[in-house]
Amino acid sequence: IFFRYKMAAPGAMAQEAEALAEFSAERIQKNAMTLYKIRQFTAILTGCLAGLVGWTGLHGIGLYVVSCFTISLYIAYTMKFNVTEYFTKTSELFDAGAVTGGALSFILFWTLVYDSIWIF
């Protein structure tokens, strides 16, 4: 799913040329977009699960936070915890965007499924 890229250490001209040859903005953009899609899909599935089970309040939000953390750990595991080969910074995988990125999708599907099953 994710593409590797490497950035060589700056130094001599030959190393800089190698760094430019190995650095791929397209791959970084593709990785960021793939991560975004995975987070959105996880938020939708978690929202459906929380609504289906009937969890409200902090139970539902707790499920969402745990699922975001779990999916970030799983992605890091699939990368053999060598995140810097796929992203420019390690924090891209574990930052606040991991939780806030799909929060609105989570709330939408949480309320939609909960209302469809438990209220109507």
N, C-alpha and C. Protein backbone atom coordinates (compact mmCIF):
# COMPACT_ATOMS: atom_id res chain seq x y z
N ILE A 1 0.83 -1.19 0.00
CA ILE A 1 0.00 0.00 0.00
C ILE A 1 0.87 1.24 0.00
N PHE A 2 1.89 1.27 0.83
CA PHE A 2 2.74 2.44 0.95
C PHE A 2 4.01 2.26 0.12
N PHE A 3 4.54 3.36 -0.38
CA PHE A 3 5.76 3.33 -1.18
C PHE A 3 6.92 3.85 -0.36
N ARG A 4 8.07 3.24 -0.52
CA ARG A 4 9.27 3.69 0.19
C ARG A 4 9.93 4.83 -0.56
N TYR A 5 10.58 5.66 0.18
CA TYR A 5 11.47 6.66 -0.38
C TYR A 5 12.60 6.84 0.61
N LYS A 6 13.74 7.25 0.14
CA LYS A 6 14.87 7.49 1.02
C LYS A 6 15.44 8.86 0.72
N MET A 7 15.89 9.50 1.76
CA MET A 7 16.58 10.78 1.60
C MET A 7 18.00 10.59 2.10
N ALA A 8 18.95 10.76 1.23
CA ALA A 8 20.35 10.62 1.63
C ALA A 8 20.76 11.83 2.45
N ALA A 9 21.75 11.64 3.29
CA ALA A 9 22.25 12.74 4.12
C ALA A 9 22.91 13.78 3.23
N PRO A 10 22.68 15.08 3.50
CA PRO A 10 23.31 16.10 2.68
C PRO A 10 24.83 16.09 2.88
N GLY A 11 25.52 16.40 1.84
CA GLY A 11 26.99 16.38 1.92
C GLY A 11 27.57 16.80 0.60
N ALA A 12 28.33 15.93 0.02
CA ALA A 12 29.00 16.23 -1.25
C ALA A 12 27.98 16.30 -2.38
N MET A 13 28.42 16.79 -3.52
CA MET A 13 27.55 16.96 -4.67
C MET A 13 26.97 15.63 -5.13
N ALA A 14 27.76 14.57 -5.10
CA ALA A 14 27.27 13.26 -5.54
C ALA A 14 26.16 12.78 -4.61
N GLN A 15 26.31 13.02 -3.33
CA GLN A 15 25.27 12.61 -2.39
C GLN A 15 24.00 13.43 -2.58
N GLU A 16 24.12 14.70 -2.90
CA GLU A 16 22.95 15.53 -3.13
C GLU A 16 22.22 15.08 -4.39
N ALA A 17 22.96 14.70 -5.39
CA ALA A 17 22.34 14.21 -6.62
C ALA A 17 21.60 12.90 -6.35
N GLU A 18 22.18 12.05 -5.52
CA GLU A 18 21.51 10.80 -5.15
C GLU A 18 20.25 11.08 -4.35
N ALA A 19 20.33 12.06 -3.46
CA ALA A 19 19.17 12.39 -2.63
C ALA A 19 18.02 12.88 -3.50
N LEU A 20 18.33 13.69 -4.48
CA LEU A 20 17.28 14.17 -5.37
C LEU A 20 16.72 13.04 -6.22
N ALA A 21 17.57 12.11 -6.61
CA ALA A 21 17.10 10.99 -7.40
C ALA A 21 16.24 10.04 -6.58
N GLU A 22 16.54 9.88 -5.30
CA GLU A 22 15.79 8.95 -4.46
C GLU A 22 14.55 9.58 -3.84
N PHE A 23 14.53 10.89 -3.72
CA PHE A 23 13.39 11.59 -3.11
C PHE A 23 12.26 11.69 -4.14
N SER A 24 11.10 11.28 -3.76
CA SER A 24 9.96 11.31 -4.68
C SER A 24 8.77 11.97 -3.98
N ALA A 25 8.45 13.17 -4.42
CA ALA A 25 7.31 13.87 -3.84
C ALA A 25 6.00 13.15 -4.16
N GLU A 26 5.95 12.48 -5.30
CA GLU A 26 4.75 11.74 -5.66
C GLU A 26 4.50 10.59 -4.69
N ARG A 27 5.58 9.93 -4.29
CA ARG A 27 5.42 8.82 -3.34
C ARG A 27 4.99 9.32 -1.97
N ILE A 28 5.54 10.42 -1.54
CA ILE A 28 5.15 11.00 -0.25
C ILE A 28 3.68 11.40 -0.29
N GLN A 29 3.26 12.01 -1.38
CA GLN A 29 1.87 12.42 -1.52
C GLN A 29 0.95 11.20 -1.57
N LYS A 30 1.37 10.17 -2.28
CA LYS A 30 0.58 8.93 -2.35
C LYS A 30 0.45 8.28 -0.98
N ASN A 31 1.55 8.27 -0.21
CA ASN A 31 1.50 7.70 1.15
C ASN A 31 0.57 8.50 2.04
N ALA A 32 0.63 9.83 1.95
CA ALA A 32 -0.25 10.66 2.76
C ALA A 32 -1.71 10.44 2.40
N MET A 33 -1.99 10.30 1.11
CA MET A 33 -3.36 10.09 0.67
C MET A 33 -3.86 8.69 1.09
N THR A 34 -2.99 7.70 1.01
CA THR A 34 -3.37 6.36 1.45
C THR A 34 -3.65 6.34 2.95
N LEU A 35 -2.82 7.02 3.73
CA LEU A 35 -3.04 7.11 5.17
C LEU A 35 -4.36 7.81 5.48
N TYR A 36 -4.67 8.86 4.74
CA TYR A 36 -5.93 9.59 4.92
C TYR A 36 -7.12 8.66 4.64
N LYS A 37 -7.04 7.90 3.55
CA LYS A 37 -8.14 7.00 3.19
C LYS A 37 -8.32 5.89 4.23
N ILE A 38 -7.22 5.36 4.73
CA ILE A 38 -7.31 4.33 5.76
C ILE A 38 -7.97 4.89 7.03
N ARG A 39 -7.59 6.10 7.41
CA ARG A 39 -8.18 6.71 8.61
C ARG A 39 -9.66 7.00 8.42
N GLN A 40 -10.04 7.46 7.24
CA GLN A 40 -11.46 7.72 6.98
C GLN A 40 -12.27 6.43 7.02
N PHE A 41 -11.75 5.38 6.38
CA PHE A 41 -12.44 4.10 6.37
C PHE A 41 -12.56 3.52 7.77
N THR A 42 -11.50 3.66 8.56
CA THR A 42 -11.54 3.20 9.95
C THR A 42 -12.57 3.98 10.75
N ALA A 43 -12.65 5.27 10.53
CA ALA A 43 -13.62 6.09 11.25
C ALA A 43 -15.05 5.68 10.88
N ILE A 44 -15.28 5.40 9.61
CA ILE A 44 -16.62 4.99 9.18
C ILE A 44 -16.99 3.64 9.79
N LEU A 45 -16.08 2.69 9.73
CA LEU A 45 -16.37 1.37 10.31
C LEU A 45 -16.56 1.44 11.82
N THR A 46 -15.74 2.23 12.48
CA THR A 46 -15.88 2.37 13.94
C THR A 46 -17.18 3.06 14.29
N GLY A 47 -17.58 4.06 13.52
CA GLY A 47 -18.86 4.73 13.75
C GLY A 47 -20.03 3.78 13.58
N CYS A 48 -19.97 2.95 12.55
CA CYS A 48 -21.03 1.96 12.34
C CYS A 48 -21.06 0.94 13.48
N LEU A 49 -19.89 0.52 13.93
CA LEU A 49 -19.82 -0.44 15.04
C LEU A 49 -20.37 0.16 16.33
N ALA A 50 -19.98 1.39 16.64
CA ALA A 50 -20.46 2.03 17.86
C ALA A 50 -21.97 2.23 17.82
N GLY A 51 -22.50 2.59 16.66
CA GLY A 51 -23.94 2.76 16.53
C GLY A 51 -24.68 1.45 16.59
N LEU A 52 -24.10 0.41 16.00
CA LEU A 52 -24.72 -0.91 15.98
C LEU A 52 -24.81 -1.51 17.38
N VAL A 53 -23.73 -1.35 18.14
CA VAL A 53 -23.70 -1.88 19.51
C VAL A 53 -24.55 -1.03 20.44
N GLY A 54 -24.76 0.22 20.10
CA GLY A 54 -25.58 1.10 20.93
C GLY A 54 -24.79 1.89 21.95
N TRP A 55 -23.50 2.02 21.72
CA TRP A 55 -22.67 2.77 22.66
C TRP A 55 -22.87 4.26 22.44
N THR A 56 -23.09 4.96 23.52
CA THR A 56 -23.24 6.41 23.46
C THR A 56 -22.24 7.05 24.42
N GLY A 57 -22.07 8.33 24.28
CA GLY A 57 -21.21 9.09 25.18
C GLY A 57 -19.75 8.69 25.08
N LEU A 58 -19.12 8.55 26.24
CA LEU A 58 -17.69 8.28 26.29
C LEU A 58 -17.32 6.89 25.80
N HIS A 59 -18.25 5.95 25.86
CA HIS A 59 -17.95 4.61 25.35
C HIS A 59 -17.69 4.65 23.84
N GLY A 60 -18.52 5.35 23.12
CA GLY A 60 -18.35 5.46 21.67
C GLY A 60 -17.10 6.24 21.30
N ILE A 61 -16.85 7.33 21.99
CA ILE A 61 -15.65 8.13 21.72
C ILE A 61 -14.40 7.34 22.09
N GLY A 62 -14.47 6.60 23.19
CA GLY A 62 -13.34 5.76 23.58
C GLY A 62 -13.04 4.69 22.54
N LEU A 63 -14.08 4.10 21.97
CA LEU A 63 -13.89 3.12 20.91
C LEU A 63 -13.19 3.75 19.72
N TYR A 64 -13.57 4.97 19.37
CA TYR A 64 -12.96 5.66 18.24
C TYR A 64 -11.48 5.95 18.50
N VAL A 65 -11.16 6.44 19.68
CA VAL A 65 -9.76 6.75 20.01
C VAL A 65 -8.91 5.48 20.01
N VAL A 66 -9.45 4.41 20.59
CA VAL A 66 -8.71 3.15 20.61
C VAL A 66 -8.51 2.61 19.20
N SER A 67 -9.53 2.72 18.35
CA SER A 67 -9.37 2.23 16.98
C SER A 67 -8.36 3.06 16.20
N CYS A 68 -8.32 4.37 16.43
CA CYS A 68 -7.33 5.21 15.75
C CYS A 68 -5.92 4.85 16.17
N PHE A 69 -5.73 4.64 17.46
CA PHE A 69 -4.41 4.27 17.96
C PHE A 69 -4.01 2.88 17.45
N THR A 70 -4.96 1.97 17.43
CA THR A 70 -4.69 0.60 16.98
C THR A 70 -4.33 0.58 15.50
N ILE A 71 -5.04 1.33 14.69
CA ILE A 71 -4.74 1.32 13.25
C ILE A 71 -3.39 1.98 12.99
N SER A 72 -3.03 2.99 13.76
CA SER A 72 -1.71 3.60 13.60
C SER A 72 -0.60 2.61 13.97
N LEU A 73 -0.81 1.88 15.04
CA LEU A 73 0.16 0.85 15.42
C LEU A 73 0.25 -0.25 14.38
N TYR A 74 -0.88 -0.64 13.82
CA TYR A 74 -0.87 -1.69 12.80
C TYR A 74 -0.13 -1.22 11.54
N ILE A 75 -0.34 0.02 11.15
CA ILE A 75 0.36 0.55 9.98
C ILE A 75 1.86 0.58 10.25
N ALA A 76 2.24 1.02 11.45
CA ALA A 76 3.67 1.02 11.81
C ALA A 76 4.22 -0.40 11.81
N TYR A 77 3.43 -1.36 12.25
CA TYR A 77 3.86 -2.76 12.25
C TYR A 77 4.08 -3.26 10.83
N THR A 78 3.18 -2.93 9.92
CA THR A 78 3.35 -3.37 8.54
C THR A 78 4.57 -2.74 7.89
N MET A 79 4.99 -1.59 8.41
CA MET A 79 6.21 -0.93 7.93
C MET A 79 7.43 -1.38 8.70
N LYS A 80 7.25 -2.38 9.55
CA LYS A 80 8.31 -2.89 10.42
C LYS A 80 8.87 -1.79 11.33
N PHE A 81 8.00 -0.90 11.76
CA PHE A 81 8.31 0.22 12.65
C PHE A 81 9.41 1.13 12.10
N ASN A 82 9.59 1.13 10.80
CA ASN A 82 10.55 1.99 10.14
C ASN A 82 9.79 3.05 9.36
N VAL A 83 9.06 3.88 10.08
CA VAL A 83 8.13 4.83 9.50
C VAL A 83 8.84 5.90 8.66
N THR A 84 10.05 6.24 9.03
CA THR A 84 10.75 7.31 8.31
C THR A 84 11.13 6.93 6.89
N GLU A 85 11.02 5.67 6.53
CA GLU A 85 11.25 5.29 5.13
C GLU A 85 10.04 5.58 4.27
N TYR A 86 8.89 5.79 4.88
CA TYR A 86 7.65 5.99 4.15
C TYR A 86 7.10 7.41 4.29
N PHE A 87 7.42 8.07 5.39
CA PHE A 87 6.95 9.42 5.65
C PHE A 87 8.13 10.30 6.01
N THR A 88 7.95 11.60 5.88
CA THR A 88 9.06 12.51 6.19
C THR A 88 9.34 12.57 7.68
N LYS A 89 8.28 12.41 8.50
CA LYS A 89 8.44 12.43 9.95
C LYS A 89 7.64 11.29 10.56
N THR A 90 8.13 10.78 11.66
CA THR A 90 7.41 9.73 12.37
C THR A 90 6.10 10.26 12.93
N SER A 91 6.07 11.52 13.27
CA SER A 91 4.87 12.10 13.87
C SER A 91 3.68 12.13 12.91
N GLU A 92 3.91 11.97 11.61
CA GLU A 92 2.79 11.97 10.67
C GLU A 92 1.85 10.80 10.92
N LEU A 93 2.39 9.73 11.46
CA LEU A 93 1.57 8.55 11.72
C LEU A 93 0.88 8.61 13.07
N PHE A 94 1.48 9.30 14.03
CA PHE A 94 0.97 9.30 15.40
C PHE A 94 0.60 10.70 15.90
N ASP A 95 0.33 11.64 15.03
CA ASP A 95 0.00 12.99 15.47
C ASP A 95 -1.49 13.11 15.79
N ALA A 96 -1.93 14.32 16.08
CA ALA A 96 -3.33 14.54 16.42
C ALA A 96 -4.24 14.28 15.23
N GLY A 97 -3.69 14.32 14.02
CA GLY A 97 -4.48 14.02 12.84
C GLY A 97 -4.98 12.58 12.82
N ALA A 98 -4.32 11.72 13.56
CA ALA A 98 -4.76 10.33 13.65
C ALA A 98 -6.14 10.25 14.29
N VAL A 99 -6.44 11.15 15.21
CA VAL A 99 -7.74 11.14 15.89
C VAL A 99 -8.71 12.10 15.24
N THR A 100 -8.25 13.29 14.89
CA THR A 100 -9.16 14.30 14.36
C THR A 100 -9.45 14.13 12.88
N GLY A 101 -8.64 13.35 12.19
CA GLY A 101 -8.80 13.22 10.74
C GLY A 101 -10.14 12.65 10.32
N GLY A 102 -10.64 11.68 11.02
CA GLY A 102 -11.90 11.06 10.64
C GLY A 102 -13.00 11.28 11.65
N ALA A 103 -12.84 12.24 12.52
CA ALA A 103 -13.80 12.45 13.61
C ALA A 103 -15.20 12.78 13.09
N LEU A 104 -15.29 13.62 12.08
CA LEU A 104 -16.61 13.97 11.57
C LEU A 104 -17.28 12.79 10.87
N SER A 105 -16.51 11.99 10.15
CA SER A 105 -17.07 10.79 9.53
C SER A 105 -17.54 9.81 10.60
N PHE A 106 -16.75 9.68 11.66
CA PHE A 106 -17.14 8.81 12.76
C PHE A 106 -18.47 9.26 13.37
N ILE A 107 -18.59 10.54 13.67
CA ILE A 107 -19.82 11.05 14.29
C ILE A 107 -21.01 10.88 13.36
N LEU A 108 -20.80 11.14 12.08
CA LEU A 108 -21.89 10.99 11.11
C LEU A 108 -22.42 9.56 11.08
N PHE A 109 -21.53 8.60 10.92
CA PHE A 109 -21.98 7.21 10.83
C PHE A 109 -22.42 6.65 12.19
N TRP A 110 -21.83 7.14 13.24
CA TRP A 110 -22.24 6.72 14.58
C TRP A 110 -23.70 7.10 14.82
N THR A 111 -24.03 8.35 14.56
CA THR A 111 -25.41 8.81 14.79
C THR A 111 -26.37 8.21 13.78
N LEU A 112 -25.94 8.04 12.54
CA LEU A 112 -26.81 7.47 11.51
C LEU A 112 -27.20 6.04 11.85
N VAL A 113 -26.22 5.22 12.17
CA VAL A 113 -26.52 3.81 12.48
C VAL A 113 -27.24 3.70 13.82
N TYR A 114 -26.84 4.46 14.81
CA TYR A 114 -27.52 4.42 16.11
C TYR A 114 -28.99 4.80 15.97
N ASP A 115 -29.24 5.89 15.26
CA ASP A 115 -30.63 6.32 15.08
C ASP A 115 -31.43 5.32 14.27
N SER A 116 -30.83 4.72 13.27
CA SER A 116 -31.53 3.76 12.42
C SER A 116 -31.92 2.50 13.20
N ILE A 117 -31.10 2.09 14.12
CA ILE A 117 -31.35 0.82 14.82
C ILE A 117 -32.09 1.03 16.15
N TRP A 118 -31.62 1.98 16.95
CA TRP A 118 -32.12 2.09 18.31
C TRP A 118 -33.27 3.08 18.48
N ILE A 119 -33.44 4.01 17.55
CA ILE A 119 -34.50 5.00 17.73
C ILE A 119 -35.68 4.75 16.80
N PHE A 120 -35.41 4.48 15.53
CA PHE A 120 -36.52 4.30 14.56
C PHE A 120 -37.01 2.91 14.53
